[in-house]
């Protein structure tokens, strides 16, 4: 293991990728500026790649003021940042589909996570079932992908529809988009858990990062098999 000193509140796991195929990521929500600065100091000393999620713009602005220029690549829509992303590993294996444009921030968290690990993705946005032609006209492209991350709120019908149309592994992400009885994504989550399309993988509400990690585990398994 890499011998890197840690503060009392920060103890990064730089060996995790060797054990699991996935490096540790920094979940920034509720972290203090001092904690984030300590994390970056450990990353600098260890000279390791790192992904940051739920990093709000004001946190990033305060943090980057004390960092070397270009240390973090930040994306406002997904609230992600990364340091030293991996080289390109694949360009045509994963697609990310959203039911509506309100789901895009979650989709971008997934795509940025995959980008960090060197996997480029095909993005198909605003393809919900209320206008079914929007997804049916993209089926040929989706059938060429090994993995499809499908992100939808409200009744979250889109992953189930895709589950009956394409052979790819489908990772479904319910989002908190919707009125009233959508219950901040709980209805979408319950709908996906009882989907009649067998074999759907379902992650937690708004968890684009978790969906991307599931995809990476699948891709790592494909690489071992091949």
Foldseek 3Di string as FASTA:
>chain_A
DDDFDADPVDDADQCVCVVQVDGDEAECPPDDLVRVLRVVVRCVVRVDKYKYFPAAPVSVVVNCVPPPPPQWDADHLQNMIIGPADAADEEQAEEEEECAPVLVNLSVVLQVLCVSPRYHYHYQYNCHVVPVCSVVVCLVSVQRHQEYEYEYADQLCVQLVVLVRHDHAYEYEYELDDDDVSNRRPNNQVNVVPRPRPRYHYDYYSNSVVSNVVVSSVVVVVVVVD
